[in-house]
Amino acid sequence: MLAEVCNRYAFHRNTLEYNGMSRRVNIMMDEEAWRVIQRLPRGSRSRTVNAAIREWSGVSRRREASARMDALRARLPAVETDRIVRWIREERGLRLQ
């Protein structure tokens, strides 16, 4: 078990980071992006790019989910605010006033 954990995780400056299935890739980037990368310390470039990609991916997934919810909302009938408040209160077990 310890070997499996050690193979999947790497220790970087007293932190445990996931390091499974790393891949070396070649990418093209514009001059502005390259200048930003060059300012990073050499030991942190890959981690920074990985973190940026994970962040972008999360934002992208949330944006897509929001678009799907908007499409669903457009297909459903409108519901009055009073009715929604009543449903929420009933769900929470509160008495209506």
PDB file of N, CA and C in Angstrom:
ATOM      1  N   MET A   1       0.833  -1.194   0.000  1.00  0.00           N
ATOM      2  CA  MET A   1       0.000   0.000   0.000  1.00  0.00           C
ATOM      3  C   MET A   1       0.872   1.250   0.000  1.00  0.00           C
ATOM      4  N   LEU A   2       1.923   1.281   0.780  1.00  0.00           N
ATOM      5  CA  LEU A   2       2.788   2.451   0.840  1.00  0.00           C
ATOM      6  C   LEU A   2       3.417   2.732  -0.512  1.00  0.00           C
ATOM      7  N   ALA A   3       3.823   1.689  -1.244  1.00  0.00           N
ATOM      8  CA  ALA A   3       4.407   1.891  -2.570  1.00  0.00           C
ATOM      9  C   ALA A   3       3.385   2.504  -3.513  1.00  0.00           C
ATOM     10  N   GLU A   4       2.133   2.054  -3.411  1.00  0.00           N
ATOM     11  CA  GLU A   4       1.082   2.606  -4.266  1.00  0.00           C
ATOM     12  C   GLU A   4       0.871   4.085  -3.968  1.00  0.00           C
ATOM     13  N   VAL A   5       0.841   4.442  -2.692  1.00  0.00           N
ATOM     14  CA  VAL A   5       0.683   5.846  -2.305  1.00  0.00           C
ATOM     15  C   VAL A   5       1.885   6.655  -2.771  1.00  0.00           C
ATOM     16  N   CYS A   6       3.071   6.136  -2.601  1.00  0.00           N
ATOM     17  CA  CYS A   6       4.277   6.861  -3.008  1.00  0.00           C
ATOM     18  C   CYS A   6       4.336   7.057  -4.518  1.00  0.00           C
ATOM     19  N   ASN A   7       3.832   6.106  -5.283  1.00  0.00           N
ATOM     20  CA  ASN A   7       3.841   6.239  -6.733  1.00  0.00           C
ATOM     21  C   ASN A   7       2.858   7.296  -7.223  1.00  0.00           C
ATOM     22  N   ARG A   8       1.782   7.509  -6.476  1.00  0.00           N
ATOM     23  CA  ARG A   8       0.762   8.455  -6.924  1.00  0.00           C
ATOM     24  C   ARG A   8       0.966   9.860  -6.394  1.00  0.00           C
ATOM     25  N   TYR A   9       1.731  10.022  -5.360  1.00  0.00           N
ATOM     26  CA  TYR A   9       1.893  11.326  -4.745  1.00  0.00           C
ATOM     27  C   TYR A   9       3.371  11.697  -4.678  1.00  0.00           C
ATOM     28  N   ALA A  10       3.635  12.983  -4.789  1.00  0.00           N
ATOM     29  CA  ALA A  10       5.004  13.473  -4.683  1.00  0.00           C
ATOM     30  C   ALA A  10       5.035  14.543  -3.591  1.00  0.00           C
ATOM     31  N   PHE A  11       6.157  14.615  -2.909  1.00  0.00           N
ATOM     32  CA  PHE A  11       6.292  15.606  -1.857  1.00  0.00           C
ATOM     33  C   PHE A  11       7.023  16.816  -2.411  1.00  0.00           C
ATOM     34  N   HIS A  12       6.395  17.979  -2.325  1.00  0.00           N
ATOM     35  CA  HIS A  12       6.988  19.226  -2.791  1.00  0.00           C
ATOM     36  C   HIS A  12       6.931  20.233  -1.649  1.00  0.00           C
ATOM     37  N   ARG A  13       8.061  20.610  -1.137  1.00  0.00           N
ATOM     38  CA  ARG A  13       8.141  21.628  -0.088  1.00  0.00           C
ATOM     39  C   ARG A  13       7.142  21.365   1.032  1.00  0.00           C
ATOM     40  N   ASN A  14       7.183  20.199   1.593  1.00  0.00           N
ATOM     41  CA  ASN A  14       6.352  19.804   2.732  1.00  0.00           C
ATOM     42  C   ASN A  14       4.859  19.751   2.424  1.00  0.00           C
ATOM     43  N   THR A  15       4.474  19.638   1.172  1.00  0.00           N
ATOM     44  CA  THR A  15       3.066  19.463   0.834  1.00  0.00           C
ATOM     45  C   THR A  15       2.925  18.191   0.024  1.00  0.00           C
ATOM     46  N   LEU A  16       1.780  17.578   0.122  1.00  0.00           N
ATOM     47  CA  LEU A  16       1.490  16.352  -0.619  1.00  0.00           C
ATOM     48  C   LEU A  16       0.660  16.735  -1.826  1.00  0.00           C
ATOM     49  N   GLU A  17       1.166  16.496  -3.025  1.00  0.00           N
ATOM     50  CA  GLU A  17       0.449  16.828  -4.251  1.00  0.00           C
ATOM     51  C   GLU A  17       0.265  15.572  -5.080  1.00  0.00           C
ATOM     52  N   TYR A  18      -0.898  15.489  -5.728  1.00  0.00           N
ATOM     53  CA  TYR A  18      -1.171  14.353  -6.595  1.00  0.00           C
ATOM     54  C   TYR A  18      -0.233  14.411  -7.787  1.00  0.00           C
ATOM     55  N   ASN A  19       0.389  13.276  -8.082  1.00  0.00           N
ATOM     56  CA  ASN A  19       1.378  13.247  -9.164  1.00  0.00           C
ATOM     57  C   ASN A  19       1.186  12.003 -10.018  1.00  0.00           C
ATOM     58  N   GLY A  20      -0.047  11.534 -10.166  1.00  0.00           N
ATOM     59  CA  GLY A  20      -0.284  10.345 -10.964  1.00  0.00           C
ATOM     60  C   GLY A  20      -0.283  10.654 -12.447  1.00  0.00           C
ATOM     61  N   MET A  21       0.178   9.748 -13.236  1.00  0.00           N
ATOM     62  CA  MET A  21       0.139   9.813 -14.685  1.00  0.00           C
ATOM     63  C   MET A  21       0.571  11.160 -15.257  1.00  0.00           C
ATOM     64  N   SER A  22       1.710  11.646 -14.856  1.00  0.00           N
ATOM     65  CA  SER A  22       2.236  12.885 -15.434  1.00  0.00           C
ATOM     66  C   SER A  22       2.670  12.625 -16.867  1.00  0.00           C
ATOM     67  N   ARG A  23       2.497  13.622 -17.697  1.00  0.00           N
ATOM     68  CA  ARG A  23       2.867  13.530 -19.107  1.00  0.00           C
ATOM     69  C   ARG A  23       3.690  14.746 -19.495  1.00  0.00           C
ATOM     70  N   ARG A  24       4.701  14.519 -20.269  1.00  0.00           N
ATOM     71  CA  ARG A  24       5.468  15.626 -20.833  1.00  0.00           C
ATOM     72  C   ARG A  24       4.814  15.985 -22.150  1.00  0.00           C
ATOM     73  N   VAL A  25       4.531  17.282 -22.341  1.00  0.00           N
ATOM     74  CA  VAL A  25       3.864  17.728 -23.558  1.00  0.00           C
ATOM     75  C   VAL A  25       4.596  18.929 -24.141  1.00  0.00           C
ATOM     76  N   ASN A  26       4.448  19.094 -25.417  1.00  0.00           N
ATOM     77  CA  ASN A  26       4.943  20.288 -26.092  1.00  0.00           C
ATOM     78  C   ASN A  26       3.730  21.103 -26.488  1.00  0.00           C
ATOM     79  N   ILE A  27       3.757  22.386 -26.161  1.00  0.00           N
ATOM     80  CA  ILE A  27       2.651  23.258 -26.531  1.00  0.00           C
ATOM     81  C   ILE A  27       3.209  24.534 -27.142  1.00  0.00           C
ATOM     82  N   MET A  28       2.374  25.188 -27.917  1.00  0.00           N
ATOM     83  CA  MET A  28       2.725  26.484 -28.476  1.00  0.00           C
ATOM     84  C   MET A  28       1.991  27.543 -27.666  1.00  0.00           C
ATOM     85  N   MET A  29       2.679  28.612 -27.321  1.00  0.00           N
ATOM     86  CA  MET A  29       2.025  29.710 -26.616  1.00  0.00           C
ATOM     87  C   MET A  29       2.497  31.032 -27.195  1.00  0.00           C
ATOM     88  N   ASP A  30       1.656  32.029 -27.061  1.00  0.00           N
ATOM     89  CA  ASP A  30       2.023  33.328 -27.608  1.00  0.00           C
ATOM     90  C   ASP A  30       3.071  33.994 -26.712  1.00  0.00           C
ATOM     91  N   GLU A  31       3.598  35.097 -27.183  1.00  0.00           N
ATOM     92  CA  GLU A  31       4.689  35.776 -26.475  1.00  0.00           C
ATOM     93  C   GLU A  31       4.274  36.245 -25.084  1.00  0.00           C
ATOM     94  N   GLU A  32       3.069  36.742 -24.957  1.00  0.00           N
ATOM     95  CA  GLU A  32       2.609  37.232 -23.660  1.00  0.00           C
ATOM     96  C   GLU A  32       2.578  36.097 -22.626  1.00  0.00           C
ATOM     97  N   ALA A  33       2.015  34.951 -23.014  1.00  0.00           N
ATOM     98  CA  ALA A  33       1.972  33.802 -22.108  1.00  0.00           C
ATOM     99  C   ALA A  33       3.385  33.322 -21.785  1.00  0.00           C
ATOM    100  N   TRP A  34       4.264  33.315 -22.768  1.00  0.00           N
ATOM    101  CA  TRP A  34       5.640  32.874 -22.544  1.00  0.00           C
ATOM    102  C   TRP A  34       6.347  33.797 -21.553  1.00  0.00           C
ATOM    103  N   ARG A  35       6.109  35.105 -21.649  1.00  0.00           N
ATOM    104  CA  ARG A  35       6.733  36.042 -20.699  1.00  0.00           C
ATOM    105  C   ARG A  35       6.271  35.757 -19.277  1.00  0.00           C
ATOM    106  N   VAL A  36       4.987  35.418 -19.121  1.00  0.00           N
ATOM    107  CA  VAL A  36       4.475  35.079 -17.792  1.00  0.00           C
ATOM    108  C   VAL A  36       5.156  33.818 -17.274  1.00  0.00           C
ATOM    109  N   ILE A  37       5.249  32.799 -18.113  1.00  0.00           N
ATOM    110  CA  ILE A  37       5.890  31.539 -17.712  1.00  0.00           C
ATOM    111  C   ILE A  37       7.346  31.769 -17.337  1.00  0.00           C
ATOM    112  N   GLN A  38       8.042  32.588 -18.080  1.00  0.00           N
ATOM    113  CA  GLN A  38       9.453  32.834 -17.805  1.00  0.00           C
ATOM    114  C   GLN A  38       9.675  33.499 -16.451  1.00  0.00           C
ATOM    115  N   ARG A  39       8.701  34.242 -15.968  1.00  0.00           N
ATOM    116  CA  ARG A  39       8.843  34.902 -14.661  1.00  0.00           C
ATOM    117  C   ARG A  39       8.684  33.923 -13.507  1.00  0.00           C
ATOM    118  N   LEU A  40       8.122  32.751 -13.771  1.00  0.00           N
ATOM    119  CA  LEU A  40       7.934  31.753 -12.716  1.00  0.00           C
ATOM    120  C   LEU A  40       9.238  31.029 -12.435  1.00  0.00           C
ATOM    121  N   PRO A  41       9.465  30.662 -11.184  1.00  0.00           N
ATOM    122  CA  PRO A  41      10.650  29.839 -10.882  1.00  0.00           C
ATOM    123  C   PRO A  41      10.549  28.513 -11.632  1.00  0.00           C
ATOM    124  N   ARG A  42      11.659  28.005 -12.108  1.00  0.00           N
ATOM    125  CA  ARG A  42      11.656  26.784 -12.917  1.00  0.00           C
ATOM    126  C   ARG A  42      10.986  25.605 -12.227  1.00  0.00           C
ATOM    127  N   GLY A  43      11.090  25.471 -10.950  1.00  0.00           N
ATOM    128  CA  GLY A  43      10.479  24.337 -10.255  1.00  0.00           C
ATOM    129  C   GLY A  43       8.969  24.413 -10.130  1.00  0.00           C
ATOM    130  N   SER A  44       8.394  25.572 -10.403  1.00  0.00           N
ATOM    131  CA  SER A  44       6.952  25.707 -10.189  1.00  0.00           C
ATOM    132  C   SER A  44       6.168  25.896 -11.484  1.00  0.00           C
ATOM    133  N   ARG A  45       6.812  25.890 -12.626  1.00  0.00           N
ATOM    134  CA  ARG A  45       6.117  26.156 -13.891  1.00  0.00           C
ATOM    135  C   ARG A  45       5.041  25.116 -14.187  1.00  0.00           C
ATOM    136  N   SER A  46       5.387  23.850 -14.124  1.00  0.00           N
ATOM    137  CA  SER A  46       4.406  22.796 -14.428  1.00  0.00           C
ATOM    138  C   SER A  46       3.245  22.829 -13.446  1.00  0.00           C
ATOM    139  N   ARG A  47       3.544  22.988 -12.151  1.00  0.00           N
ATOM    140  CA  ARG A  47       2.472  23.040 -11.155  1.00  0.00           C
ATOM    141  C   ARG A  47       1.547  24.221 -11.415  1.00  0.00           C
ATOM    142  N   THR A  48       2.117  25.362 -11.796  1.00  0.00           N
ATOM    143  CA  THR A  48       1.310  26.546 -12.065  1.00  0.00           C
ATOM    144  C   THR A  48       0.419  26.343 -13.283  1.00  0.00           C
ATOM    145  N   VAL A  49       0.972  25.777 -14.343  1.00  0.00           N
ATOM    146  CA  VAL A  49       0.180  25.516 -15.547  1.00  0.00           C
ATOM    147  C   VAL A  49      -0.913  24.490 -15.244  1.00  0.00           C
ATOM    148  N   ASN A  50      -0.586  23.440 -14.507  1.00  0.00           N
ATOM    149  CA  ASN A  50      -1.590  22.439 -14.125  1.00  0.00           C
ATOM    150  C   ASN A  50      -2.713  23.078 -13.316  1.00  0.00           C
ATOM    151  N   ALA A  51      -2.362  23.929 -12.345  1.00  0.00           N
ATOM    152  CA  ALA A  51      -3.374  24.592 -11.520  1.00  0.00           C
ATOM    153  C   ALA A  51      -4.254  25.495 -12.377  1.00  0.00           C
ATOM    154  N   ALA A  52      -3.657  26.211 -13.326  1.00  0.00           N
ATOM    155  CA  ALA A  52      -4.432  27.099 -14.202  1.00  0.00           C
ATOM    156  C   ALA A  52      -5.399  26.287 -15.073  1.00  0.00           C
ATOM    157  N   ILE A  53      -4.950  25.165 -15.576  1.00  0.00           N
ATOM    158  CA  ILE A  53      -5.818  24.319 -16.411  1.00  0.00           C
ATOM    159  C   ILE A  53      -6.957  23.752 -15.576  1.00  0.00           C
ATOM    160  N   ARG A  54      -6.655  23.296 -14.346  1.00  0.00           N
ATOM    161  CA  ARG A  54      -7.719  22.780 -13.478  1.00  0.00           C
ATOM    162  C   ARG A  54      -8.737  23.874 -13.165  1.00  0.00           C
ATOM    163  N   GLU A  55      -8.261  25.085 -12.890  1.00  0.00           N
ATOM    164  CA  GLU A  55      -9.168  26.198 -12.602  1.00  0.00           C
ATOM    165  C   GLU A  55     -10.031  26.513 -13.826  1.00  0.00           C
ATOM    166  N   TRP A  56      -9.418  26.599 -14.991  1.00  0.00           N
ATOM    167  CA  TRP A  56     -10.162  26.873 -16.222  1.00  0.00           C
ATOM    168  C   TRP A  56     -11.205  25.783 -16.467  1.00  0.00           C
ATOM    169  N   SER A  57     -10.823  24.538 -16.231  1.00  0.00           N
ATOM    170  CA  SER A  57     -11.735  23.419 -16.437  1.00  0.00           C
ATOM    171  C   SER A  57     -12.940  23.521 -15.509  1.00  0.00           C
ATOM    172  N   GLY A  58     -12.705  23.880 -14.256  1.00  0.00           N
ATOM    173  CA  GLY A  58     -13.803  24.033 -13.304  1.00  0.00           C
ATOM    174  C   GLY A  58     -14.746  25.149 -13.705  1.00  0.00           C
ATOM    175  N   VAL A  59     -14.187  26.277 -14.112  1.00  0.00           N
ATOM    176  CA  VAL A  59     -15.004  27.403 -14.565  1.00  0.00           C
ATOM    177  C   VAL A  59     -15.809  27.000 -15.792  1.00  0.00           C
ATOM    178  N   SER A  60     -15.173  26.306 -16.709  1.00  0.00           N
ATOM    179  CA  SER A  60     -15.847  25.861 -17.933  1.00  0.00           C
ATOM    180  C   SER A  60     -17.002  24.923 -17.616  1.00  0.00           C
ATOM    181  N   ARG A  61     -16.779  23.973 -16.715  1.00  0.00           N
ATOM    182  CA  ARG A  61     -17.848  23.033 -16.330  1.00  0.00           C
ATOM    183  C   ARG A  61     -19.013  23.773 -15.674  1.00  0.00           C
ATOM    184  N   ARG A  62     -18.698  24.742 -14.800  1.00  0.00           N
ATOM    185  CA  ARG A  62     -19.770  25.502 -14.153  1.00  0.00           C
ATOM    186  C   ARG A  62     -20.540  26.338 -15.172  1.00  0.00           C
ATOM    187  N   ARG A  63     -19.825  26.919 -16.130  1.00  0.00           N
ATOM    188  CA  ARG A  63     -20.484  27.713 -17.173  1.00  0.00           C
ATOM    189  C   ARG A  63     -21.420  26.835 -18.004  1.00  0.00           C
ATOM    190  N   GLU A  64     -20.955  25.633 -18.367  1.00  0.00           N
ATOM    191  CA  GLU A  64     -21.791  24.711 -19.139  1.00  0.00           C
ATOM    192  C   GLU A  64     -23.017  24.268 -18.337  1.00  0.00           C
ATOM    193  N   ALA A  65     -22.833  24.003 -17.041  1.00  0.00           N
ATOM    194  CA  ALA A  65     -23.958  23.601 -16.193  1.00  0.00           C
ATOM    195  C   ALA A  65     -24.965  24.743 -16.087  1.00  0.00           C
ATOM    196  N   SER A  66     -24.485  25.961 -15.973  1.00  0.00           N
ATOM    197  CA  SER A  66     -25.364  27.123 -15.900  1.00  0.00           C
ATOM    198  C   SER A  66     -26.162  27.275 -17.188  1.00  0.00           C
ATOM    199  N   ALA A  67     -25.517  27.064 -18.330  1.00  0.00           N
ATOM    200  CA  ALA A  67     -26.212  27.155 -19.616  1.00  0.00           C
ATOM    201  C   ALA A  67     -27.293  26.076 -19.720  1.00  0.00           C
ATOM    202  N   ARG A  68     -26.994  24.857 -19.234  1.00  0.00           N
ATOM    203  CA  ARG A  68     -28.002  23.791 -19.258  1.00  0.00           C
ATOM    204  C   ARG A  68     -29.183  24.139 -18.355  1.00  0.00           C
ATOM    205  N   MET A  69     -28.905  24.726 -17.192  1.00  0.00           N
ATOM    206  CA  MET A  69     -29.978  25.126 -16.282  1.00  0.00           C
ATOM    207  C   MET A  69     -30.816  26.247 -16.888  1.00  0.00           C
ATOM    208  N   ASP A  70     -30.169  27.197 -17.564  1.00  0.00           N
ATOM    209  CA  ASP A  70     -30.923  28.266 -18.234  1.00  0.00           C
ATOM    210  C   ASP A  70     -31.836  27.696 -19.308  1.00  0.00           C
ATOM    211  N   ALA A  71     -31.337  26.721 -20.073  1.00  0.00           N
ATOM    212  CA  ALA A  71     -32.161  26.091 -21.109  1.00  0.00           C
ATOM    213  C   ALA A  71     -33.343  25.356 -20.482  1.00  0.00           C
ATOM    214  N   LEU A  72     -33.104  24.674 -19.375  1.00  0.00           N
ATOM    215  CA  LEU A  72     -34.186  23.980 -18.675  1.00  0.00           C
ATOM    216  C   LEU A  72     -35.195  24.982 -18.143  1.00  0.00           C
ATOM    217  N   ARG A  73     -34.705  26.073 -17.555  1.00  0.00           N
ATOM    218  CA  ARG A  73     -35.577  27.097 -17.005  1.00  0.00           C
ATOM    219  C   ARG A  73     -36.473  27.692 -18.094  1.00  0.00           C
ATOM    220  N   ALA A  74     -35.951  27.856 -19.294  1.00  0.00           N
ATOM    221  CA  ALA A  74     -36.722  28.426 -20.393  1.00  0.00           C
ATOM    222  C   ALA A  74     -37.865  27.490 -20.813  1.00  0.00           C
ATOM    223  N   ARG A  75     -37.698  26.195 -20.610  1.00  0.00           N
ATOM    224  CA  ARG A  75     -38.726  25.218 -21.001  1.00  0.00           C
ATOM    225  C   ARG A  75     -39.793  25.026 -19.933  1.00  0.00           C
ATOM    226  N   LEU A  76     -39.491  25.371 -18.686  1.00  0.00           N
ATOM    227  CA  LEU A  76     -40.435  25.147 -17.592  1.00  0.00           C
ATOM    228  C   LEU A  76     -41.356  26.346 -17.407  1.00  0.00           C
ATOM    229  N   PRO A  77     -42.555  26.108 -16.874  1.00  0.00           N
ATOM    230  CA  PRO A  77     -43.472  27.234 -16.630  1.00  0.00           C
ATOM    231  C   PRO A  77     -42.970  28.100 -15.471  1.00  0.00           C
ATOM    232  N   ALA A  78     -43.337  29.364 -15.505  1.00  0.00           N
ATOM    233  CA  ALA A  78     -42.952  30.289 -14.435  1.00  0.00           C
ATOM    234  C   ALA A  78     -43.711  29.941 -13.162  1.00  0.00           C
ATOM    235  N   VAL A  79     -43.072  30.144 -12.015  1.00  0.00           N
ATOM    236  CA  VAL A  79     -43.689  29.878 -10.722  1.00  0.00           C
ATOM    237  C   VAL A  79     -43.626  31.166  -9.908  1.00  0.00           C
ATOM    238  N   GLU A  80     -44.744  31.508  -9.254  1.00  0.00           N
ATOM    239  CA  GLU A  80     -44.800  32.730  -8.455  1.00  0.00           C
ATOM    240  C   GLU A  80     -43.891  32.611  -7.233  1.00  0.00           C
ATOM    241  N   THR A  81     -43.348  33.754  -6.826  1.00  0.00           N
ATOM    242  CA  THR A  81     -42.431  33.794  -5.682  1.00  0.00           C
ATOM    243  C   THR A  81     -43.104  33.286  -4.419  1.00  0.00           C
ATOM    244  N   ASP A  82     -44.370  33.673  -4.180  1.00  0.00           N
ATOM    245  CA  ASP A  82     -45.084  33.229  -2.973  1.00  0.00           C
ATOM    246  C   ASP A  82     -45.159  31.700  -2.903  1.00  0.00           C
ATOM    247  N   ARG A  83     -45.377  31.097  -4.036  1.00  0.00           N
ATOM    248  CA  ARG A  83     -45.463  29.630  -4.086  1.00  0.00           C
ATOM    249  C   ARG A  83     -44.105  28.995  -3.757  1.00  0.00           C
ATOM    250  N   ILE A  84     -43.051  29.562  -4.278  1.00  0.00           N
ATOM    251  CA  ILE A  84     -41.702  29.051  -3.989  1.00  0.00           C
ATOM    252  C   ILE A  84     -41.395  29.185  -2.509  1.00  0.00           C
ATOM    253  N   VAL A  85     -41.724  30.341  -1.926  1.00  0.00           N
ATOM    254  CA  VAL A  85     -41.488  30.553  -0.488  1.00  0.00           C
ATOM    255  C   VAL A  85     -42.261  29.525   0.321  1.00  0.00           C
ATOM    256  N   ARG A  86     -43.512  29.243  -0.072  1.00  0.00           N
ATOM    257  CA  ARG A  86     -44.321  28.248   0.636  1.00  0.00           C
ATOM    258  C   ARG A  86     -43.676  26.869   0.553  1.00  0.00           C
ATOM    259  N   TRP A  87     -43.181  26.490  -0.631  1.00  0.00           N
ATOM    260  CA  TRP A  87     -42.512  25.190  -0.789  1.00  0.00           C
ATOM    261  C   TRP A  87     -41.277  25.095   0.106  1.00  0.00           C
ATOM    262  N   ILE A  88     -40.491  26.152   0.134  1.00  0.00           N
ATOM    263  CA  ILE A  88     -39.265  26.142   0.948  1.00  0.00           C
ATOM    264  C   ILE A  88     -39.616  26.001   2.414  1.00  0.00           C
ATOM    265  N   ARG A  89     -40.595  26.775   2.866  1.00  0.00           N
ATOM    266  CA  ARG A  89     -40.997  26.693   4.281  1.00  0.00           C
ATOM    267  C   ARG A  89     -41.540  25.313   4.619  1.00  0.00           C
ATOM    268  N   GLU A  90     -42.326  24.730   3.722  1.00  0.00           N
ATOM    269  CA  GLU A  90     -42.851  23.390   3.968  1.00  0.00           C
ATOM    270  C   GLU A  90     -41.721  22.378   4.039  1.00  0.00           C
ATOM    271  N   GLU A  91     -40.745  22.529   3.158  1.00  0.00           N
ATOM    272  CA  GLU A  91     -39.607  21.616   3.152  1.00  0.00           C
ATOM    273  C   GLU A  91     -38.797  21.726   4.441  1.00  0.00           C
ATOM    274  N   ARG A  92     -38.687  22.923   4.950  1.00  0.00           N
ATOM    275  CA  ARG A  92     -37.937  23.143   6.191  1.00  0.00           C
ATOM    276  C   ARG A  92     -38.763  22.829   7.422  1.00  0.00           C
ATOM    277  N   GLY A  93     -40.051  22.584   7.240  1.00  0.00           N
ATOM    278  CA  GLY A  93     -40.905  22.264   8.390  1.00  0.00           C
ATOM    279  C   GLY A  93     -41.369  23.481   9.144  1.00  0.00           C
ATOM    280  N   LEU A  94     -41.336  24.657   8.530  1.00  0.00           N
ATOM    281  CA  LEU A  94     -41.763  25.877   9.198  1.00  0.00           C
ATOM    282  C   LEU A  94     -43.228  26.115   8.930  1.00  0.00           C
ATOM    283  N   ARG A  95     -43.878  26.743   9.892  1.00  0.00           N
ATOM    284  CA  ARG A  95     -45.283  27.076   9.719  1.00  0.00           C
ATOM    285  C   ARG A  95     -45.426  28.311   8.849  1.00  0.00           C
ATOM    286  N   LEU A  96     -46.459  28.327   8.061  1.00  0.00           N
ATOM    287  CA  LEU A  96     -46.769  29.501   7.251  1.00  0.00           C
ATOM    288  C   LEU A  96     -47.408  30.561   8.136  1.00  0.00           C
ATOM    289  N   GLN A  97     -47.105  31.814   7.859  1.00  0.00           N
ATOM    290  CA  GLN A  97     -47.658  32.894   8.671  1.00  0.00           C
ATOM    291  C   GLN A  97     -48.874  33.495   8.030  1.00  0.00           C
TER     292      GLN A  97
END
